[in-house]
């Protein structure tokens, strides 16, 4: 899932080399992916009204269902 998310993010931002994703799985059972990107790209990742980050979350959630996991995305 992480590589899929990184590939999607790198394809939409202007500074793909600055994109990093770290995964954290606290005791709640939800995998939280923290996205770090160039300051100019954060607006692109979030999108107008949060549409882009919601779409990315939906795509990753579909993949997570196959692995019996739940995911959440956070832009830092």
N, C-alpha and C. Protein backbone atom coordinates (compact mmCIF):
# COMPACT_ATOMS: atom_id res chain seq x y z
N UNK A 1 0.82 -1.19 0.00
CA UNK A 1 0.00 0.00 0.00
C UNK A 1 0.87 1.25 0.00
N UNK A 2 1.94 1.20 0.76
CA UNK A 2 2.79 2.39 0.87
C UNK A 2 3.41 2.76 -0.46
N UNK A 3 3.85 1.77 -1.22
CA UNK A 3 4.46 2.07 -2.52
C UNK A 3 3.42 2.62 -3.50
N UNK A 4 2.21 2.12 -3.42
CA UNK A 4 1.13 2.64 -4.26
C UNK A 4 0.86 4.10 -3.93
N UNK A 5 0.81 4.42 -2.65
CA UNK A 5 0.58 5.79 -2.22
C UNK A 5 1.71 6.71 -2.67
N UNK A 6 2.95 6.26 -2.52
CA UNK A 6 4.09 7.08 -2.95
C UNK A 6 4.05 7.33 -4.44
N UNK A 7 3.74 6.30 -5.22
CA UNK A 7 3.67 6.47 -6.67
C UNK A 7 2.58 7.45 -7.07
N UNK A 8 1.42 7.37 -6.43
CA UNK A 8 0.33 8.30 -6.72
C UNK A 8 0.73 9.73 -6.37
N UNK A 9 1.33 9.90 -5.20
CA UNK A 9 1.73 11.24 -4.77
C UNK A 9 2.79 11.84 -5.68
N UNK A 10 3.79 11.05 -6.05
CA UNK A 10 4.87 11.55 -6.90
C UNK A 10 4.36 11.93 -8.29
N UNK A 11 3.26 11.33 -8.72
CA UNK A 11 2.74 11.64 -10.05
C UNK A 11 1.94 12.95 -10.08
N UNK A 12 1.53 13.47 -8.91
CA UNK A 12 0.72 14.68 -8.92
C UNK A 12 1.44 15.93 -8.42
N UNK A 13 2.61 15.77 -7.79
CA UNK A 13 3.30 16.93 -7.21
C UNK A 13 4.36 17.49 -8.16
N UNK A 14 4.83 18.71 -7.85
CA UNK A 14 5.86 19.36 -8.66
C UNK A 14 7.27 18.99 -8.21
N UNK A 15 7.43 18.55 -6.97
CA UNK A 15 8.73 18.17 -6.42
C UNK A 15 8.66 16.72 -5.92
N UNK A 16 8.68 15.75 -6.83
CA UNK A 16 8.48 14.35 -6.42
C UNK A 16 9.59 13.80 -5.53
N UNK A 17 10.79 14.36 -5.61
CA UNK A 17 11.89 13.86 -4.79
C UNK A 17 11.71 14.20 -3.31
N UNK A 18 10.87 15.18 -2.99
CA UNK A 18 10.66 15.60 -1.61
C UNK A 18 9.52 14.85 -0.92
N UNK A 19 8.87 13.94 -1.62
CA UNK A 19 7.73 13.21 -1.05
C UNK A 19 8.24 12.01 -0.25
N UNK A 20 7.81 11.94 1.01
CA UNK A 20 8.10 10.77 1.83
C UNK A 20 6.82 10.35 2.55
N UNK A 21 6.71 9.08 2.81
CA UNK A 21 5.55 8.54 3.51
C UNK A 21 6.05 7.63 4.62
N UNK A 22 5.55 7.84 5.82
CA UNK A 22 5.90 6.95 6.92
C UNK A 22 4.62 6.34 7.47
N UNK A 23 4.71 5.07 7.81
CA UNK A 23 3.55 4.34 8.32
C UNK A 23 3.68 4.14 9.82
N UNK A 24 2.56 4.27 10.50
CA UNK A 24 2.51 4.06 11.95
C UNK A 24 1.24 3.29 12.24
N UNK A 25 1.37 2.24 13.03
CA UNK A 25 0.19 1.45 13.38
C UNK A 25 0.04 1.41 14.90
N UNK A 26 -0.69 2.40 15.43
CA UNK A 26 -0.91 2.39 16.88
C UNK A 26 -1.85 1.24 17.27
N UNK A 27 -2.16 1.14 18.52
CA UNK A 27 -2.94 0.02 19.03
C UNK A 27 -4.39 0.02 18.55
N UNK A 28 -4.82 1.08 17.89
CA UNK A 28 -6.20 1.14 17.42
C UNK A 28 -6.46 0.24 16.24
N UNK A 29 -5.40 -0.24 15.58
CA UNK A 29 -5.56 -1.12 14.44
C UNK A 29 -5.68 -0.40 13.11
N UNK A 30 -5.58 0.92 13.13
CA UNK A 30 -5.64 1.71 11.91
C UNK A 30 -4.23 2.12 11.53
N UNK A 31 -3.83 1.84 10.30
CA UNK A 31 -2.51 2.26 9.82
C UNK A 31 -2.61 3.73 9.41
N UNK A 32 -1.77 4.56 10.01
CA UNK A 32 -1.76 5.99 9.71
C UNK A 32 -0.54 6.28 8.86
N UNK A 33 -0.78 6.76 7.64
CA UNK A 33 0.30 7.16 6.75
C UNK A 33 0.49 8.66 6.86
N UNK A 34 1.68 9.08 7.27
CA UNK A 34 2.01 10.49 7.38
C UNK A 34 2.78 10.89 6.13
N UNK A 35 2.25 11.87 5.42
CA UNK A 35 2.83 12.34 4.16
C UNK A 35 3.61 13.61 4.42
N UNK A 36 4.87 13.63 4.02
CA UNK A 36 5.70 14.82 4.10
C UNK A 36 6.08 15.20 2.68
N UNK A 37 5.90 16.47 2.34
CA UNK A 37 6.17 16.92 0.98
C UNK A 37 6.70 18.36 1.01
N UNK A 38 7.15 18.82 -0.14
CA UNK A 38 7.59 20.20 -0.29
C UNK A 38 6.43 21.13 0.05
N UNK A 39 6.74 22.28 0.62
CA UNK A 39 5.71 23.22 1.07
C UNK A 39 4.74 23.60 -0.06
N UNK A 40 5.25 23.79 -1.27
CA UNK A 40 4.40 24.16 -2.41
C UNK A 40 3.45 23.04 -2.82
N UNK A 41 3.82 21.81 -2.54
CA UNK A 41 3.03 20.66 -2.98
C UNK A 41 1.92 20.27 -2.00
N UNK A 42 1.96 20.79 -0.80
CA UNK A 42 0.95 20.42 0.19
C UNK A 42 -0.46 20.81 -0.26
N UNK A 43 -0.58 21.96 -0.90
CA UNK A 43 -1.88 22.38 -1.43
C UNK A 43 -2.37 21.47 -2.53
N UNK A 44 -1.46 20.99 -3.34
CA UNK A 44 -1.83 20.06 -4.43
C UNK A 44 -2.30 18.74 -3.83
N UNK A 45 -1.60 18.26 -2.82
CA UNK A 45 -1.95 16.98 -2.20
C UNK A 45 -3.31 17.07 -1.51
N UNK A 46 -3.57 18.16 -0.81
CA UNK A 46 -4.84 18.31 -0.11
C UNK A 46 -5.97 18.58 -1.09
N UNK A 47 -5.73 19.47 -2.05
CA UNK A 47 -6.73 19.78 -3.06
C UNK A 47 -7.79 20.73 -2.55
N UNK A 48 -8.59 21.21 -3.46
CA UNK A 48 -9.64 22.17 -3.11
C UNK A 48 -10.70 21.48 -2.26
N UNK A 49 -10.86 21.98 -1.06
CA UNK A 49 -11.84 21.39 -0.15
C UNK A 49 -11.47 19.99 0.32
N UNK A 50 -10.21 19.60 0.15
CA UNK A 50 -9.76 18.28 0.59
C UNK A 50 -10.12 17.16 -0.37
N UNK A 51 -10.47 17.51 -1.58
CA UNK A 51 -10.92 16.48 -2.53
C UNK A 51 -9.82 15.49 -2.91
N UNK A 52 -8.61 16.00 -3.14
CA UNK A 52 -7.53 15.12 -3.59
C UNK A 52 -7.12 14.15 -2.49
N UNK A 53 -6.93 14.65 -1.28
CA UNK A 53 -6.53 13.77 -0.18
C UNK A 53 -7.63 12.75 0.12
N UNK A 54 -8.88 13.14 -0.03
CA UNK A 54 -9.99 12.21 0.18
C UNK A 54 -9.97 11.11 -0.89
N UNK A 55 -9.70 11.50 -2.13
CA UNK A 55 -9.63 10.52 -3.22
C UNK A 55 -8.46 9.56 -3.00
N UNK A 56 -7.32 10.09 -2.57
CA UNK A 56 -6.17 9.23 -2.27
C UNK A 56 -6.50 8.27 -1.13
N UNK A 57 -7.17 8.77 -0.13
CA UNK A 57 -7.56 7.94 1.01
C UNK A 57 -8.51 6.83 0.56
N UNK A 58 -9.44 7.15 -0.33
CA UNK A 58 -10.38 6.15 -0.84
C UNK A 58 -9.65 5.06 -1.63
N UNK A 59 -8.68 5.44 -2.44
CA UNK A 59 -7.93 4.47 -3.24
C UNK A 59 -7.14 3.53 -2.33
N UNK A 60 -6.46 4.11 -1.34
CA UNK A 60 -5.66 3.30 -0.43
C UNK A 60 -6.56 2.43 0.45
N UNK A 61 -7.73 2.94 0.80
CA UNK A 61 -8.66 2.16 1.62
C UNK A 61 -9.14 0.92 0.89
N UNK A 62 -9.36 1.03 -0.40
CA UNK A 62 -9.78 -0.13 -1.19
C UNK A 62 -8.69 -1.19 -1.18
N UNK A 63 -7.46 -0.75 -1.32
CA UNK A 63 -6.35 -1.69 -1.28
C UNK A 63 -6.19 -2.30 0.12
N UNK A 64 -6.47 -1.51 1.15
CA UNK A 64 -6.34 -1.99 2.53
C UNK A 64 -7.39 -3.05 2.86
N UNK A 65 -8.56 -2.94 2.27
CA UNK A 65 -9.61 -3.93 2.52
C UNK A 65 -9.15 -5.32 2.13
N UNK A 66 -8.39 -5.41 1.05
CA UNK A 66 -7.87 -6.71 0.62
C UNK A 66 -6.94 -7.32 1.66
N UNK A 67 -6.29 -6.45 2.45
CA UNK A 67 -5.36 -6.92 3.47
C UNK A 67 -5.98 -6.91 4.87
N UNK A 68 -7.30 -6.70 4.94
CA UNK A 68 -8.04 -6.66 6.21
C UNK A 68 -7.47 -5.61 7.17
N UNK A 69 -7.20 -4.43 6.64
CA UNK A 69 -6.69 -3.33 7.45
C UNK A 69 -7.52 -2.09 7.21
N UNK A 70 -7.35 -1.09 8.08
CA UNK A 70 -7.97 0.22 7.91
C UNK A 70 -6.86 1.24 7.84
N UNK A 71 -7.04 2.28 7.03
CA UNK A 71 -5.99 3.27 6.84
C UNK A 71 -6.53 4.69 7.01
N UNK A 72 -5.59 5.59 7.27
CA UNK A 72 -5.88 7.01 7.37
C UNK A 72 -4.65 7.75 6.86
N UNK A 73 -4.89 8.87 6.17
CA UNK A 73 -3.78 9.67 5.64
C UNK A 73 -3.70 10.98 6.41
N UNK A 74 -2.47 11.43 6.65
CA UNK A 74 -2.24 12.68 7.36
C UNK A 74 -1.13 13.43 6.63
N UNK A 75 -1.36 14.70 6.29
CA UNK A 75 -0.35 15.51 5.63
C UNK A 75 0.33 16.35 6.71
N UNK A 76 1.65 16.25 6.76
CA UNK A 76 2.41 16.97 7.77
C UNK A 76 3.01 18.22 7.18
